[in-house]
Amino acid sequence: MSDLGRKDLSTQLGEKITPDSQKSTLDQTKETITGAADKATAAVVPEGEKSTTQKLGDETRGTTNDASAQGKTLLDQAQETVANAAQSVADALKK
């Protein structure tokens, strides 16, 4: 059972054990969006209001209560990833 707005543990496990190569682009995009929403919700819901299974899932996944880190939008994450990749390429070309 999951808390409101959260993925249940069986869904999370199923997403993790299925290789990305066996998922459609739509499935991967959906997992990314729902995963980000789940992490953001986990970050802002007080521990005392979470069910035992959600607490276990959060601990297993390593979710923290740092709302600012978890609350990044997908666009922010993508921009950061692209910027880091560009910097890595620039650094490699300097060598």
PDB file of N, CA and C in Angstrom:
ATOM      1  N   MET A   1       0.840  -1.174   0.000  1.00  0.00           N
ATOM      2  CA  MET A   1       0.000   0.000   0.000  1.00  0.00           C
ATOM      3  C   MET A   1       0.883   1.235   0.000  1.00  0.00           C
ATOM      4  N   SER A   2       0.440   2.274  -0.691  1.00  0.00           N
ATOM      5  CA  SER A   2       1.229   3.491  -0.747  1.00  0.00           C
ATOM      6  C   SER A   2       0.437   4.666  -0.203  1.00  0.00           C
ATOM      7  N   ASP A   3       1.169   5.668   0.220  1.00  0.00           N
ATOM      8  CA  ASP A   3       0.547   6.895   0.691  1.00  0.00           C
ATOM      9  C   ASP A   3       0.097   7.707  -0.514  1.00  0.00           C
ATOM     10  N   LEU A   4      -0.806   8.659  -0.290  1.00  0.00           N
ATOM     11  CA  LEU A   4      -1.330   9.496  -1.361  1.00  0.00           C
ATOM     12  C   LEU A   4      -0.190  10.184  -2.113  1.00  0.00           C
ATOM     13  N   GLY A   5      -0.195  10.035  -3.423  1.00  0.00           N
ATOM     14  CA  GLY A   5       0.815  10.669  -4.253  1.00  0.00           C
ATOM     15  C   GLY A   5       2.148   9.951  -4.296  1.00  0.00           C
ATOM     16  N   ARG A   6       2.203   8.739  -3.771  1.00  0.00           N
ATOM     17  CA  ARG A   6       3.456   7.992  -3.716  1.00  0.00           C
ATOM     18  C   ARG A   6       3.341   6.696  -4.506  1.00  0.00           C
ATOM     19  N   LYS A   7       4.476   6.224  -5.012  1.00  0.00           N
ATOM     20  CA  LYS A   7       4.526   4.925  -5.680  1.00  0.00           C
ATOM     21  C   LYS A   7       4.590   3.845  -4.608  1.00  0.00           C
ATOM     22  N   ASP A   8       3.895   2.741  -4.842  1.00  0.00           N
ATOM     23  CA  ASP A   8       4.021   1.643  -3.881  1.00  0.00           C
ATOM     24  C   ASP A   8       5.330   0.893  -4.146  1.00  0.00           C
ATOM     25  N   LEU A   9       5.750   0.115  -3.171  1.00  0.00           N
ATOM     26  CA  LEU A   9       7.046  -0.559  -3.263  1.00  0.00           C
ATOM     27  C   LEU A   9       7.114  -1.544  -4.421  1.00  0.00           C
ATOM     28  N   SER A  10       6.013  -2.234  -4.719  1.00  0.00           N
ATOM     29  CA  SER A  10       6.045  -3.200  -5.818  1.00  0.00           C
ATOM     30  C   SER A  10       6.239  -2.489  -7.160  1.00  0.00           C
ATOM     31  N   THR A  11       5.656  -1.318  -7.313  1.00  0.00           N
ATOM     32  CA  THR A  11       5.852  -0.540  -8.548  1.00  0.00           C
ATOM     33  C   THR A  11       7.303  -0.106  -8.661  1.00  0.00           C
ATOM     34  N   GLN A  12       7.858   0.413  -7.571  1.00  0.00           N
ATOM     35  CA  GLN A  12       9.258   0.846  -7.578  1.00  0.00           C
ATOM     36  C   GLN A  12      10.192  -0.309  -7.908  1.00  0.00           C
ATOM     37  N   LEU A  13       9.942  -1.442  -7.297  1.00  0.00           N
ATOM     38  CA  LEU A  13      10.783  -2.619  -7.528  1.00  0.00           C
ATOM     39  C   LEU A  13      10.683  -3.070  -8.983  1.00  0.00           C
ATOM     40  N   GLY A  14       9.466  -3.119  -9.512  1.00  0.00           N
ATOM     41  CA  GLY A  14       9.262  -3.520 -10.904  1.00  0.00           C
ATOM     42  C   GLY A  14       9.994  -2.612 -11.876  1.00  0.00           C
ATOM     43  N   GLU A  15       9.981  -1.311 -11.582  1.00  0.00           N
ATOM     44  CA  GLU A  15      10.677  -0.357 -12.447  1.00  0.00           C
ATOM     45  C   GLU A  15      12.185  -0.556 -12.397  1.00  0.00           C
ATOM     46  N   LYS A  16      12.691  -0.895 -11.223  1.00  0.00           N
ATOM     47  CA  LYS A  16      14.136  -1.056 -11.063  1.00  0.00           C
ATOM     48  C   LYS A  16      14.657  -2.343 -11.697  1.00  0.00           C
ATOM     49  N   ILE A  17      13.894  -3.414 -11.633  1.00  0.00           N
ATOM     50  CA  ILE A  17      14.417  -4.694 -12.123  1.00  0.00           C
ATOM     51  C   ILE A  17      14.216  -4.884 -13.628  1.00  0.00           C
ATOM     52  N   THR A  18      13.345  -4.089 -14.230  1.00  0.00           N
ATOM     53  CA  THR A  18      13.150  -4.181 -15.675  1.00  0.00           C
ATOM     54  C   THR A  18      14.200  -3.320 -16.371  1.00  0.00           C
ATOM     55  N   PRO A  19      15.035  -3.916 -17.209  1.00  0.00           N
ATOM     56  CA  PRO A  19      16.073  -3.139 -17.901  1.00  0.00           C
ATOM     57  C   PRO A  19      15.448  -2.057 -18.799  1.00  0.00           C
ATOM     58  N   ASP A  20      16.114  -0.911 -18.872  1.00  0.00           N
ATOM     59  CA  ASP A  20      15.622   0.173 -19.720  1.00  0.00           C
ATOM     60  C   ASP A  20      15.484  -0.263 -21.177  1.00  0.00           C
ATOM     61  N   SER A  21      16.313  -1.200 -21.599  1.00  0.00           N
ATOM     62  CA  SER A  21      16.255  -1.672 -22.986  1.00  0.00           C
ATOM     63  C   SER A  21      14.940  -2.373 -23.301  1.00  0.00           C
ATOM     64  N   GLN A  22      14.229  -2.804 -22.265  1.00  0.00           N
ATOM     65  CA  GLN A  22      12.947  -3.483 -22.455  1.00  0.00           C
ATOM     66  C   GLN A  22      11.757  -2.549 -22.239  1.00  0.00           C
ATOM     67  N   LYS A  23      12.028  -1.273 -22.021  1.00  0.00           N
ATOM     68  CA  LYS A  23      10.972  -0.302 -21.777  1.00  0.00           C
ATOM     69  C   LYS A  23      10.844   0.630 -22.976  1.00  0.00           C
ATOM     70  N   SER A  24       9.627   1.048 -23.238  1.00  0.00           N
ATOM     71  CA  SER A  24       9.419   2.029 -24.305  1.00  0.00           C
ATOM     72  C   SER A  24       9.874   3.400 -23.809  1.00  0.00           C
ATOM     73  N   THR A  25      10.052   4.318 -24.735  1.00  0.00           N
ATOM     74  CA  THR A  25      10.413   5.683 -24.370  1.00  0.00           C
ATOM     75  C   THR A  25       9.332   6.285 -23.484  1.00  0.00           C
ATOM     76  N   LEU A  26       8.072   5.993 -23.793  1.00  0.00           N
ATOM     77  CA  LEU A  26       6.966   6.494 -22.989  1.00  0.00           C
ATOM     78  C   LEU A  26       7.053   5.961 -21.562  1.00  0.00           C
ATOM     79  N   ASP A  27       7.342   4.669 -21.404  1.00  0.00           N
ATOM     80  CA  ASP A  27       7.470   4.079 -20.066  1.00  0.00           C
ATOM     81  C   ASP A  27       8.627   4.721 -19.288  1.00  0.00           C
ATOM     82  N   GLN A  28       9.751   4.929 -19.954  1.00  0.00           N
ATOM     83  CA  GLN A  28      10.909   5.531 -19.294  1.00  0.00           C
ATOM     84  C   GLN A  28      10.609   6.965 -18.869  1.00  0.00           C
ATOM     85  N   THR A  29       9.934   7.712 -19.739  1.00  0.00           N
ATOM     86  CA  THR A  29       9.576   9.093 -19.419  1.00  0.00           C
ATOM     87  C   THR A  29       8.607   9.133 -18.243  1.00  0.00           C
ATOM     88  N   LYS A  30       7.622   8.242 -18.272  1.00  0.00           N
ATOM     89  CA  LYS A  30       6.645   8.173 -17.177  1.00  0.00           C
ATOM     90  C   LYS A  30       7.337   7.853 -15.860  1.00  0.00           C
ATOM     91  N   GLU A  31       8.264   6.898 -15.870  1.00  0.00           N
ATOM     92  CA  GLU A  31       8.984   6.537 -14.657  1.00  0.00           C
ATOM     93  C   GLU A  31       9.811   7.706 -14.128  1.00  0.00           C
ATOM     94  N   THR A  32      10.425   8.441 -15.026  1.00  0.00           N
ATOM     95  CA  THR A  32      11.225   9.594 -14.619  1.00  0.00           C
ATOM     96  C   THR A  32      10.358  10.649 -13.947  1.00  0.00           C
ATOM     97  N   ILE A  33       9.225  10.939 -14.555  1.00  0.00           N
ATOM     98  CA  ILE A  33       8.333  11.972 -14.015  1.00  0.00           C
ATOM     99  C   ILE A  33       7.719  11.527 -12.695  1.00  0.00           C
ATOM    100  N   THR A  34       7.187  10.308 -12.661  1.00  0.00           N
ATOM    101  CA  THR A  34       6.557   9.847 -11.423  1.00  0.00           C
ATOM    102  C   THR A  34       7.595   9.631 -10.322  1.00  0.00           C
ATOM    103  N   GLY A  35       8.805   9.248 -10.712  1.00  0.00           N
ATOM    104  CA  GLY A  35       9.878   9.086  -9.726  1.00  0.00           C
ATOM    105  C   GLY A  35      10.275  10.415  -9.104  1.00  0.00           C
ATOM    106  N   ALA A  36      10.367  11.458  -9.928  1.00  0.00           N
ATOM    107  CA  ALA A  36      10.700  12.784  -9.407  1.00  0.00           C
ATOM    108  C   ALA A  36       9.597  13.298  -8.489  1.00  0.00           C
ATOM    109  N   ALA A  37       8.356  13.064  -8.881  1.00  0.00           N
ATOM    110  CA  ALA A  37       7.231  13.488  -8.037  1.00  0.00           C
ATOM    111  C   ALA A  37       7.232  12.722  -6.719  1.00  0.00           C
ATOM    112  N   ASP A  38       7.533  11.426  -6.783  1.00  0.00           N
ATOM    113  CA  ASP A  38       7.577  10.602  -5.576  1.00  0.00           C
ATOM    114  C   ASP A  38       8.673  11.092  -4.630  1.00  0.00           C
ATOM    115  N   LYS A  39       9.841  11.394  -5.170  1.00  0.00           N
ATOM    116  CA  LYS A  39      10.950  11.878  -4.345  1.00  0.00           C
ATOM    117  C   LYS A  39      10.625  13.233  -3.727  1.00  0.00           C
ATOM    118  N   ALA A  40       9.990  14.113  -4.502  1.00  0.00           N
ATOM    119  CA  ALA A  40       9.626  15.429  -3.980  1.00  0.00           C
ATOM    120  C   ALA A  40       8.603  15.287  -2.853  1.00  0.00           C
ATOM    121  N   THR A  41       7.628  14.407  -3.053  1.00  0.00           N
ATOM    122  CA  THR A  41       6.628  14.173  -2.010  1.00  0.00           C
ATOM    123  C   THR A  41       7.288  13.583  -0.770  1.00  0.00           C
ATOM    124  N   ALA A  42       8.197  12.652  -0.958  1.00  0.00           N
ATOM    125  CA  ALA A  42       8.898  12.039   0.176  1.00  0.00           C
ATOM    126  C   ALA A  42       9.674  13.080   0.967  1.00  0.00           C
ATOM    127  N   ALA A  43      10.195  14.079   0.270  1.00  0.00           N
ATOM    128  CA  ALA A  43      11.007  15.098   0.922  1.00  0.00           C
ATOM    129  C   ALA A  43      10.187  16.055   1.775  1.00  0.00           C
ATOM    130  N   VAL A  44       8.938  16.275   1.418  1.00  0.00           N
ATOM    131  CA  VAL A  44       8.149  17.271   2.137  1.00  0.00           C
ATOM    132  C   VAL A  44       7.155  16.688   3.135  1.00  0.00           C
ATOM    133  N   VAL A  45       6.857  15.389   3.040  1.00  0.00           N
ATOM    134  CA  VAL A  45       5.931  14.769   3.982  1.00  0.00           C
ATOM    135  C   VAL A  45       6.702  14.408   5.258  1.00  0.00           C
ATOM    136  N   PRO A  46       6.238  14.890   6.413  1.00  0.00           N
ATOM    137  CA  PRO A  46       6.926  14.561   7.671  1.00  0.00           C
ATOM    138  C   PRO A  46       6.959  13.049   7.906  1.00  0.00           C
ATOM    139  N   GLU A  47       8.029  12.577   8.498  1.00  0.00           N
ATOM    140  CA  GLU A  47       8.191  11.139   8.758  1.00  0.00           C
ATOM    141  C   GLU A  47       7.008  10.567   9.522  1.00  0.00           C
ATOM    142  N   GLY A  48       6.458  11.319  10.453  1.00  0.00           N
ATOM    143  CA  GLY A  48       5.358  10.835  11.269  1.00  0.00           C
ATOM    144  C   GLY A  48       4.075  10.593  10.494  1.00  0.00           C
ATOM    145  N   GLU A  49       3.983  11.162   9.294  1.00  0.00           N
ATOM    146  CA  GLU A  49       2.780  10.998   8.480  1.00  0.00           C
ATOM    147  C   GLU A  49       2.936   9.923   7.407  1.00  0.00           C
ATOM    148  N   LYS A  50       4.101   9.312   7.328  1.00  0.00           N
ATOM    149  CA  LYS A  50       4.338   8.273   6.329  1.00  0.00           C
ATOM    150  C   LYS A  50       3.975   6.910   6.888  1.00  0.00           C
ATOM    151  N   SER A  51       3.485   6.045   5.997  1.00  0.00           N
ATOM    152  CA  SER A  51       3.215   4.669   6.411  1.00  0.00           C
ATOM    153  C   SER A  51       4.548   3.948   6.603  1.00  0.00           C
ATOM    154  N   THR A  52       4.500   2.824   7.272  1.00  0.00           N
ATOM    155  CA  THR A  52       5.706   2.037   7.516  1.00  0.00           C
ATOM    156  C   THR A  52       6.358   1.619   6.202  1.00  0.00           C
ATOM    157  N   THR A  53       5.540   1.226   5.221  1.00  0.00           N
ATOM    158  CA  THR A  53       6.112   0.786   3.937  1.00  0.00           C
ATOM    159  C   THR A  53       6.762   1.941   3.199  1.00  0.00           C
ATOM    160  N   GLN A  54       6.182   3.137   3.284  1.00  0.00           N
ATOM    161  CA  GLN A  54       6.796   4.284   2.613  1.00  0.00           C
ATOM    162  C   GLN A  54       8.102   4.669   3.293  1.00  0.00           C
ATOM    163  N   LYS A  55       8.141   4.592   4.618  1.00  0.00           N
ATOM    164  CA  LYS A  55       9.388   4.872   5.333  1.00  0.00           C
ATOM    165  C   LYS A  55      10.466   3.890   4.905  1.00  0.00           C
ATOM    166  N   LEU A  56      10.090   2.613   4.812  1.00  0.00           N
ATOM    167  CA  LEU A  56      11.036   1.581   4.395  1.00  0.00           C
ATOM    168  C   LEU A  56      11.533   1.849   2.969  1.00  0.00           C
ATOM    169  N   GLY A  57      10.616   2.153   2.099  1.00  0.00           N
ATOM    170  CA  GLY A  57      10.994   2.454   0.715  1.00  0.00           C
ATOM    171  C   GLY A  57      11.916   3.648   0.620  1.00  0.00           C
ATOM    172  N   ASP A  58      11.617   4.693   1.382  1.00  0.00           N
ATOM    173  CA  ASP A  58      12.463   5.888   1.366  1.00  0.00           C
ATOM    174  C   ASP A  58      13.859   5.588   1.893  1.00  0.00           C
ATOM    175  N   GLU A  59      13.925   4.799   2.967  1.00  0.00           N
ATOM    176  CA  GLU A  59      15.227   4.438   3.528  1.00  0.00           C
ATOM    177  C   GLU A  59      16.018   3.576   2.555  1.00  0.00           C
ATOM    178  N   THR A  60      15.346   2.652   1.930  1.00  0.00           N
ATOM    179  CA  THR A  60      16.009   1.758   0.983  1.00  0.00           C
ATOM    180  C   THR A  60      16.530   2.527  -0.228  1.00  0.00           C
ATOM    181  N   ARG A  61      15.728   3.448  -0.710  1.00  0.00           N
ATOM    182  CA  ARG A  61      16.093   4.240  -1.872  1.00  0.00           C
ATOM    183  C   ARG A  61      17.086   5.331  -1.527  1.00  0.00           C
ATOM    184  N   GLY A  62      17.185   5.664  -0.261  1.00  0.00           N
ATOM    185  CA  GLY A  62      18.117   6.700   0.143  1.00  0.00           C
ATOM    186  C   GLY A  62      17.528   8.088   0.029  1.00  0.00           C
ATOM    187  N   THR A  63      16.222   8.189   0.078  1.00  0.00           N
ATOM    188  CA  THR A  63      15.570   9.483  -0.003  1.00  0.00           C
ATOM    189  C   THR A  63      15.865  10.276   1.255  1.00  0.00           C
ATOM    190  N   THR A  64      16.165  11.551   1.074  1.00  0.00           N
ATOM    191  CA  THR A  64      16.387  12.434   2.210  1.00  0.00           C
ATOM    192  C   THR A  64      15.247  13.423   2.313  1.00  0.00           C
ATOM    193  N   ASN A  65      15.235  14.163   3.386  1.00  0.00           N
ATOM    194  CA  ASN A  65      14.219  15.181   3.563  1.00  0.00           C
ATOM    195  C   ASN A  65      14.710  16.540   3.093  1.00  0.00           C
ATOM    196  N   ASP A  66      15.691  16.564   2.233  1.00  0.00           N
ATOM    197  CA  ASP A  66      16.206  17.816   1.693  1.00  0.00           C
ATOM    198  C   ASP A  66      15.314  18.244   0.533  1.00  0.00           C
ATOM    199  N   ALA A  67      14.294  19.012   0.829  1.00  0.00           N
ATOM    200  CA  ALA A  67      13.294  19.382  -0.172  1.00  0.00           C
ATOM    201  C   ALA A  67      13.905  20.164  -1.319  1.00  0.00           C
ATOM    202  N   SER A  68      14.918  20.958  -1.051  1.00  0.00           N
ATOM    203  CA  SER A  68      15.491  21.746  -2.133  1.00  0.00           C
ATOM    204  C   SER A  68      16.189  20.852  -3.154  1.00  0.00           C
ATOM    205  N   ALA A  69      16.866  19.806  -2.687  1.00  0.00           N
ATOM    206  CA  ALA A  69      17.532  18.884  -3.617  1.00  0.00           C
ATOM    207  C   ALA A  69      16.523  18.019  -4.347  1.00  0.00           C
ATOM    208  N   GLN A  70      15.495  17.552  -3.640  1.00  0.00           N
ATOM    209  CA  GLN A  70      14.515  16.662  -4.234  1.00  0.00           C
ATOM    210  C   GLN A  70      13.497  17.409  -5.076  1.00  0.00           C
ATOM    211  N   GLY A  71      13.337  18.694  -4.832  1.00  0.00           N
ATOM    212  CA  GLY A  71      12.296  19.444  -5.505  1.00  0.00           C
ATOM    213  C   GLY A  71      12.689  19.986  -6.859  1.00  0.00           C
ATOM    214  N   LYS A  72      13.872  19.665  -7.343  1.00  0.00           N
ATOM    215  CA  LYS A  72      14.286  20.142  -8.662  1.00  0.00           C
ATOM    216  C   LYS A  72      13.325  19.630  -9.723  1.00  0.00           C
ATOM    217  N   THR A  73      13.049  20.488 -10.666  1.00  0.00           N
ATOM    218  CA  THR A  73      12.201  20.049 -11.763  1.00  0.00           C
ATOM    219  C   THR A  73      13.016  19.198 -12.720  1.00  0.00           C
ATOM    220  N   LEU A  74      12.341  18.456 -13.545  1.00  0.00           N
ATOM    221  CA  LEU A  74      13.032  17.640 -14.540  1.00  0.00           C
ATOM    222  C   LEU A  74      13.856  18.504 -15.478  1.00  0.00           C
ATOM    223  N   LEU A  75      13.335  19.674 -15.813  1.00  0.00           N
ATOM    224  CA  LEU A  75      14.078  20.579 -16.689  1.00  0.00           C
ATOM    225  C   LEU A  75      15.374  21.017 -16.026  1.00  0.00           C
ATOM    226  N   ASP A  76      15.319  21.355 -14.740  1.00  0.00           N
ATOM    227  CA  ASP A  76      16.527  21.730 -14.008  1.00  0.00           C
ATOM    228  C   ASP A  76      17.544  20.597 -14.022  1.00  0.00           C
ATOM    229  N   GLN A  77      17.065  19.378 -13.787  1.00  0.00           N
ATOM    230  CA  GLN A  77      17.949  18.220 -13.778  1.00  0.00           C
ATOM    231  C   GLN A  77      18.580  18.002 -15.150  1.00  0.00           C
ATOM    232  N   ALA A  78      17.780  18.134 -16.198  1.00  0.00           N
ATOM    233  CA  ALA A  78      18.292  17.939 -17.555  1.00  0.00           C
ATOM    234  C   ALA A  78      19.322  19.015 -17.896  1.00  0.00           C
ATOM    235  N   GLN A  79      19.024  20.263 -17.530  1.00  0.00           N
ATOM    236  CA  GLN A  79      19.959  21.350 -17.809  1.00  0.00           C
ATOM    237  C   GLN A  79      21.274  21.141 -17.073  1.00  0.00           C
ATOM    238  N   GLU A  80      21.188  20.695 -15.840  1.00  0.00           N
ATOM    239  CA  GLU A  80      22.393  20.438 -15.062  1.00  0.00           C
ATOM    240  C   GLU A  80      23.211  19.302 -15.676  1.00  0.00           C
ATOM    241  N   THR A  81      22.535  18.259 -16.125  1.00  0.00           N
ATOM    242  CA  THR A  81      23.221  17.126 -16.746  1.00  0.00           C
ATOM    243  C   THR A  81      23.924  17.555 -18.026  1.00  0.00           C
ATOM    244  N   VAL A  82      23.247  18.329 -18.861  1.00  0.00           N
ATOM    245  CA  VAL A  82      23.839  18.812 -20.112  1.00  0.00           C
ATOM    246  C   VAL A  82      25.024  19.722 -19.820  1.00  0.00           C
ATOM    247  N   ALA A  83      24.879  20.606 -18.858  1.00  0.00           N
ATOM    248  CA  ALA A  83      25.975  21.507 -18.508  1.00  0.00           C
ATOM    249  C   ALA A  83      27.185  20.730 -18.000  1.00  0.00           C
ATOM    250  N   ASN A  84      26.935  19.719 -17.172  1.00  0.00           N
ATOM    251  CA  ASN A  84      28.042  18.901 -16.666  1.00  0.00           C
ATOM    252  C   ASN A  84      28.725  18.132 -17.788  1.00  0.00           C
ATOM    253  N   ALA A  85      27.934  17.606 -18.716  1.00  0.00           N
ATOM    254  CA  ALA A  85      28.507  16.875 -19.849  1.00  0.00           C
ATOM    255  C   ALA A  85      29.338  17.811 -20.716  1.00  0.00           C
ATOM    256  N   ALA A  86      28.821  19.003 -20.971  1.00  0.00           N
ATOM    257  CA  ALA A  86      29.558  19.980 -21.787  1.00  0.00           C
ATOM    258  C   ALA A  86      30.869  20.361 -21.112  1.00  0.00           C
ATOM    259  N   GLN A  87      30.835  20.525 -19.793  1.00  0.00           N
ATOM    260  CA  GLN A  87      32.051  20.860 -19.065  1.00  0.00           C
ATOM    261  C   GLN A  87      33.055  19.711 -19.123  1.00  0.00           C
ATOM    262  N   SER A  88      32.582  18.497 -19.032  1.00  0.00           N
ATOM    263  CA  SER A  88      33.467  17.335 -19.126  1.00  0.00           C
ATOM    264  C   SER A  88      34.138  17.262 -20.491  1.00  0.00           C
ATOM    265  N   VAL A  89      33.381  17.524 -21.537  1.00  0.00           N
ATOM    266  CA  VAL A  89      33.944  17.515 -22.890  1.00  0.00           C
ATOM    267  C   VAL A  89      34.979  18.628 -23.022  1.00  0.00           C
ATOM    268  N   ALA A  90      34.650  19.817 -22.533  1.00  0.00           N
ATOM    269  CA  ALA A  90      35.585  20.934 -22.606  1.00  0.00           C
ATOM    270  C   ALA A  90      36.866  20.627 -21.849  1.00  0.00           C
ATOM    271  N   ASP A  91      36.729  20.029 -20.670  1.00  0.00           N
ATOM    272  CA  ASP A  91      37.910  19.663 -19.890  1.00  0.00           C
ATOM    273  C   ASP A  91      38.754  18.629 -20.608  1.00  0.00           C
ATOM    274  N   ALA A  92      38.104  17.649 -21.256  1.00  0.00           N
ATOM    275  CA  ALA A  92      38.826  16.602 -21.969  1.00  0.00           C
ATOM    276  C   ALA A  92      39.571  17.167 -23.168  1.00  0.00           C
ATOM    277  N   LEU A  93      38.981  18.129 -23.843  1.00  0.00           N
ATOM    278  CA  LEU A  93      39.619  18.724 -25.015  1.00  0.00           C
ATOM    279  C   LEU A  93      40.830  19.572 -24.633  1.00  0.00           C
ATOM    280  N   LYS A  94      40.870  20.094 -23.423  1.00  0.00           N
ATOM    281  CA  LYS A  94      41.990  20.904 -22.955  1.00  0.00           C
ATOM    282  C   LYS A  94      43.229  20.062 -22.692  1.00  0.00           C
ATOM    283  N   LYS A  95      43.015  18.757 -22.457  1.00  0.00           N
ATOM    284  CA  LYS A  95      44.136  17.881 -22.090  1.00  0.00           C
ATOM    285  C   LYS A  95      44.932  17.481 -23.281  1.00  0.00           C
TER     286      LYS A  95
END
